[in-house]
Amino acid sequence: MHLEGERVACLADGNVFPDLPVTDGAIHLPDGFTAGVIHVGLPYGAELVTMELEPETKETIRNRARFAVAATVRFAGSRDCLYSHSDGGLSEMKFRTSELPGRPVRLFTGDKHVAFSSPPGARTTRLRFVSETPTPFTLLGLVAEASCGQPA
């Protein structure tokens, strides 16, 4: 049977079940949970790492310590995004607004402003965005804010 013995990710009426076993060609949602629309498939992630951010300036900053401090990120119909400086640990972007606990988070279209924690001594301005759940994720663009230190 298809995917027998595999572990799959499931999106059921907007609720995420990231690790369900396929047994006898079927999956079973947790006890008491029913859903009208269910999407099931093998889990995978999406990752975007930006190129180095280079400001338009007459003065060269290549020999200066620089790091991203914030960004405005534009999404279309998305949720469940992790972000970080390319060398840092991932933080969760908050998409839950007025939804009650236990209810699925609605898809978000618009801009989110996030701050980045750069590791000490960072000399890069690469940003990283990750989606690891079976939810829609469309990143349309971003505007980053960077800071420059003294020449190295």
C-alpha atoms as a PDB file:
ATOM      1  CA  MET A   1       0.000   0.000   0.000  1.00  0.00           C
ATOM      2  CA  HIS A   2       1.095   3.580  -0.694  1.00  0.00           C
ATOM      3  CA  LEU A   3       3.408   5.055   1.990  1.00  0.00           C
ATOM      4  CA  GLU A   4       2.966   1.993   4.222  1.00  0.00           C
ATOM      5  CA  GLY A   5       5.233   2.292   7.273  1.00  0.00           C
ATOM      6  CA  GLU A   6       6.117   5.924   6.474  1.00  0.00           C
ATOM      7  CA  ARG A   7       5.496   8.882   8.777  1.00  0.00           C
ATOM      8  CA  VAL A   8       3.481  11.658   7.132  1.00  0.00           C
ATOM      9  CA  ALA A   9       2.521  15.254   7.868  1.00  0.00           C
ATOM     10  CA  CYS A  10      -1.140  16.207   7.942  1.00  0.00           C
ATOM     11  CA  LEU A  11      -3.086  19.459   7.729  1.00  0.00           C
ATOM     12  CA  ALA A  12      -6.664  18.796   8.880  1.00  0.00           C
ATOM     13  CA  ASP A  13      -9.068  21.761   8.798  1.00  0.00           C
ATOM     14  CA  GLY A  14      -6.051  24.025   9.411  1.00  0.00           C
ATOM     15  CA  ASN A  15      -4.680  21.973  12.328  1.00  0.00           C
ATOM     16  CA  VAL A  16      -1.164  20.575  11.949  1.00  0.00           C
ATOM     17  CA  PHE A  17      -0.320  16.958  12.774  1.00  0.00           C
ATOM     18  CA  PRO A  18       3.363  16.749  11.775  1.00  0.00           C
ATOM     19  CA  ASP A  19       4.145  13.087  12.452  1.00  0.00           C
ATOM     20  CA  LEU A  20       1.488  10.401  11.818  1.00  0.00           C
ATOM     21  CA  PRO A  21       2.288   6.778  10.913  1.00  0.00           C
ATOM     22  CA  VAL A  22       0.703   5.100   7.884  1.00  0.00           C
ATOM     23  CA  THR A  23      -0.654   1.708   8.959  1.00  0.00           C
ATOM     24  CA  ASP A  24      -2.673  -0.590   6.678  1.00  0.00           C
ATOM     25  CA  GLY A  25      -2.759   2.229   4.111  1.00  0.00           C
ATOM     26  CA  ALA A  26      -4.429   4.688   6.479  1.00  0.00           C
ATOM     27  CA  ILE A  27      -3.655   7.357   9.046  1.00  0.00           C
ATOM     28  CA  HIS A  28      -5.568   7.993  12.254  1.00  0.00           C
ATOM     29  CA  LEU A  29      -6.070  11.459  13.692  1.00  0.00           C
ATOM     30  CA  PRO A  30      -5.871  11.831  17.480  1.00  0.00           C
ATOM     31  CA  ASP A  31      -8.890  10.543  19.437  1.00  0.00           C
ATOM     32  CA  GLY A  32     -11.921  12.783  19.226  1.00  0.00           C
ATOM     33  CA  PHE A  33     -10.594  14.880  16.314  1.00  0.00           C
ATOM     34  CA  THR A  34     -12.643  14.993  13.120  1.00  0.00           C
ATOM     35  CA  ALA A  35     -11.982  17.078  10.028  1.00  0.00           C
ATOM     36  CA  GLY A  36     -13.715  17.925   6.778  1.00  0.00           C
ATOM     37  CA  VAL A  37     -10.658  18.849   4.673  1.00  0.00           C
ATOM     38  CA  ILE A  38      -7.458  16.839   5.123  1.00  0.00           C
ATOM     39  CA  HIS A  39      -4.148  17.148   3.254  1.00  0.00           C
ATOM     40  CA  VAL A  40      -1.553  14.413   3.825  1.00  0.00           C
ATOM     41  CA  GLY A  41       1.948  13.940   2.441  1.00  0.00           C
ATOM     42  CA  LEU A  42       5.566  13.275   3.154  1.00  0.00           C
ATOM     43  CA  PRO A  43       7.028  16.039   5.342  1.00  0.00           C
ATOM     44  CA  TYR A  44       9.571  18.441   3.911  1.00  0.00           C
ATOM     45  CA  GLY A  45      10.806  21.904   4.710  1.00  0.00           C
ATOM     46  CA  ALA A  46      11.462  25.072   2.788  1.00  0.00           C
ATOM     47  CA  GLU A  47      14.410  27.341   3.508  1.00  0.00           C
ATOM     48  CA  LEU A  48      15.365  30.722   2.109  1.00  0.00           C
ATOM     49  CA  VAL A  49      18.748  32.302   2.853  1.00  0.00           C
ATOM     50  CA  THR A  50      19.321  35.761   1.420  1.00  0.00           C
ATOM     51  CA  MET A  51      22.456  36.924  -0.315  1.00  0.00           C
ATOM     52  CA  GLU A  52      24.731  39.351   1.546  1.00  0.00           C
ATOM     53  CA  LEU A  53      23.011  42.685   1.965  1.00  0.00           C
ATOM     54  CA  GLU A  54      25.052  45.493   0.406  1.00  0.00           C
ATOM     55  CA  PRO A  55      23.878  49.087   0.864  1.00  0.00           C
ATOM     56  CA  GLU A  56      24.164  51.629  -1.894  1.00  0.00           C
ATOM     57  CA  THR A  57      26.920  53.903  -0.570  1.00  0.00           C
ATOM     58  CA  LYS A  58      30.086  55.565  -1.843  1.00  0.00           C
ATOM     59  CA  GLU A  59      32.033  54.302   1.154  1.00  0.00           C
ATOM     60  CA  THR A  60      32.959  50.630   1.109  1.00  0.00           C
ATOM     61  CA  ILE A  61      31.769  48.632   4.091  1.00  0.00           C
ATOM     62  CA  ARG A  62      33.289  45.301   3.089  1.00  0.00           C
ATOM     63  CA  ASN A  63      35.948  45.572   5.817  1.00  0.00           C
ATOM     64  CA  ARG A  64      33.449  46.661   8.493  1.00  0.00           C
ATOM     65  CA  ALA A  65      31.541  44.405  10.843  1.00  0.00           C
ATOM     66  CA  ARG A  66      27.899  44.488   9.780  1.00  0.00           C
ATOM     67  CA  PHE A  67      24.794  42.683  10.852  1.00  0.00           C
ATOM     68  CA  ALA A  68      21.075  42.673  10.209  1.00  0.00           C
ATOM     69  CA  VAL A  69      19.009  44.201  12.990  1.00  0.00           C
ATOM     70  CA  ALA A  70      15.450  43.994  11.597  1.00  0.00           C
ATOM     71  CA  ALA A  71      13.382  43.265   8.515  1.00  0.00           C
ATOM     72  CA  THR A  72       9.907  43.822   7.153  1.00  0.00           C
ATOM     73  CA  VAL A  73       8.736  40.604   5.503  1.00  0.00           C
ATOM     74  CA  ARG A  74       5.807  40.452   3.061  1.00  0.00           C
ATOM     75  CA  PHE A  75       3.703  37.260   3.013  1.00  0.00           C
ATOM     76  CA  ALA A  76       0.766  35.996   0.945  1.00  0.00           C
ATOM     77  CA  GLY A  77      -1.578  33.401   2.461  1.00  0.00           C
ATOM     78  CA  SER A  78       1.044  32.046   4.870  1.00  0.00           C
ATOM     79  CA  ARG A  79       1.688  30.886   8.405  1.00  0.00           C
ATOM     80  CA  ASP A  80       4.306  29.014  10.443  1.00  0.00           C
ATOM     81  CA  CYS A  81       7.620  30.708   9.651  1.00  0.00           C
ATOM     82  CA  LEU A  82      10.888  30.527  11.581  1.00  0.00           C
ATOM     83  CA  TYR A  83      13.574  33.187  11.090  1.00  0.00           C
ATOM     84  CA  SER A  84      17.117  34.021  12.131  1.00  0.00           C
ATOM     85  CA  HIS A  85      20.349  35.653  11.242  1.00  0.00           C
ATOM     86  CA  SER A  86      22.069  33.046   9.049  1.00  0.00           C
ATOM     87  CA  ASP A  87      24.424  32.068  11.890  1.00  0.00           C
ATOM     88  CA  GLY A  88      21.869  32.213  14.705  1.00  0.00           C
ATOM     89  CA  GLY A  89      19.191  30.053  16.283  1.00  0.00           C
ATOM     90  CA  LEU A  90      15.697  30.110  14.828  1.00  0.00           C
ATOM     91  CA  SER A  91      12.871  32.206  16.323  1.00  0.00           C
ATOM     92  CA  GLU A  92       9.169  31.709  15.641  1.00  0.00           C
ATOM     93  CA  MET A  93       7.319  34.440  13.773  1.00  0.00           C
ATOM     94  CA  LYS A  94       3.976  35.130  15.459  1.00  0.00           C
ATOM     95  CA  PHE A  95       0.922  34.719  13.226  1.00  0.00           C
ATOM     96  CA  ARG A  96      -1.793  34.024  15.856  1.00  0.00           C
ATOM     97  CA  THR A  97      -3.889  37.150  16.398  1.00  0.00           C
ATOM     98  CA  SER A  98      -7.496  36.761  17.567  1.00  0.00           C
ATOM     99  CA  GLU A  99      -7.887  32.981  17.187  1.00  0.00           C
ATOM    100  CA  LEU A 100      -8.823  31.156  20.366  1.00  0.00           C
ATOM    101  CA  PRO A 101      -6.356  28.628  21.829  1.00  0.00           C
ATOM    102  CA  GLY A 102      -6.854  25.227  20.217  1.00  0.00           C
ATOM    103  CA  ARG A 103      -8.206  26.757  17.003  1.00  0.00           C
ATOM    104  CA  PRO A 104      -6.097  26.864  13.829  1.00  0.00           C
ATOM    105  CA  VAL A 105      -4.253  30.043  12.938  1.00  0.00           C
ATOM    106  CA  ARG A 106      -5.693  31.842   9.911  1.00  0.00           C
ATOM    107  CA  LEU A 107      -3.496  32.367   6.859  1.00  0.00           C
ATOM    108  CA  PHE A 108      -1.802  35.771   6.857  1.00  0.00           C
ATOM    109  CA  THR A 109      -1.345  38.176   3.960  1.00  0.00           C
ATOM    110  CA  GLY A 110       0.590  41.359   4.657  1.00  0.00           C
ATOM    111  CA  ASP A 111       3.775  42.602   6.287  1.00  0.00           C
ATOM    112  CA  LYS A 112       5.454  41.427   9.498  1.00  0.00           C
ATOM    113  CA  HIS A 113       8.257  43.394  11.152  1.00  0.00           C
ATOM    114  CA  VAL A 114      10.813  41.271  13.010  1.00  0.00           C
ATOM    115  CA  ALA A 115      14.018  41.990  14.910  1.00  0.00           C
ATOM    116  CA  PHE A 116      17.116  39.822  14.556  1.00  0.00           C
ATOM    117  CA  SER A 117      19.605  38.817  17.219  1.00  0.00           C
ATOM    118  CA  SER A 118      22.998  38.652  15.526  1.00  0.00           C
ATOM    119  CA  PRO A 119      25.653  36.450  17.107  1.00  0.00           C
ATOM    120  CA  PRO A 120      28.580  38.298  18.725  1.00  0.00           C
ATOM    121  CA  GLY A 121      31.206  39.191  16.126  1.00  0.00           C
ATOM    122  CA  ALA A 122      28.821  38.649  13.208  1.00  0.00           C
ATOM    123  CA  ARG A 123      30.283  39.820   9.915  1.00  0.00           C
ATOM    124  CA  THR A 124      27.431  38.860   7.649  1.00  0.00           C
ATOM    125  CA  THR A 125      23.997  40.189   6.792  1.00  0.00           C
ATOM    126  CA  ARG A 126      22.447  36.985   5.466  1.00  0.00           C
ATOM    127  CA  LEU A 127      18.940  36.306   6.757  1.00  0.00           C
ATOM    128  CA  ARG A 128      17.259  32.900   6.981  1.00  0.00           C
ATOM    129  CA  PHE A 129      13.554  31.989   6.780  1.00  0.00           C
ATOM    130  CA  VAL A 130      12.327  28.418   7.313  1.00  0.00           C
ATOM    131  CA  SER A 131       8.977  26.611   7.020  1.00  0.00           C
ATOM    132  CA  GLU A 132       8.835  23.118   8.528  1.00  0.00           C
ATOM    133  CA  THR A 133       5.074  22.464   8.734  1.00  0.00           C
ATOM    134  CA  PRO A 134       2.517  21.372   6.111  1.00  0.00           C
ATOM    135  CA  THR A 135       1.033  24.870   5.909  1.00  0.00           C
ATOM    136  CA  PRO A 136       1.098  27.388   3.053  1.00  0.00           C
ATOM    137  CA  PHE A 137       4.211  29.571   2.995  1.00  0.00           C
ATOM    138  CA  THR A 138       4.699  32.311   0.384  1.00  0.00           C
ATOM    139  CA  LEU A 139       7.331  34.956   1.097  1.00  0.00           C
ATOM    140  CA  LEU A 140       6.948  37.718  -1.484  1.00  0.00           C
ATOM    141  CA  GLY A 141       9.724  40.065  -0.411  1.00  0.00           C
ATOM    142  CA  LEU A 142      11.645  41.666   2.398  1.00  0.00           C
ATOM    143  CA  VAL A 143      13.254  44.944   3.325  1.00  0.00           C
ATOM    144  CA  ALA A 144      16.168  44.496   5.724  1.00  0.00           C
ATOM    145  CA  GLU A 145      17.736  46.976   8.105  1.00  0.00           C
ATOM    146  CA  ALA A 146      21.455  46.542   8.785  1.00  0.00           C
ATOM    147  CA  SER A 147      23.983  48.178  11.061  1.00  0.00           C
ATOM    148  CA  CYS A 148      27.699  48.706  10.421  1.00  0.00           C
ATOM    149  CA  GLY A 149      30.459  48.725  12.998  1.00  0.00           C
ATOM    150  CA  GLN A 150      34.017  50.032  12.936  1.00  0.00           C
ATOM    151  CA  PRO A 151      36.544  48.798  10.334  1.00  0.00           C
ATOM    152  CA  ALA A 152      37.992  45.409  11.247  1.00  0.00           C
END
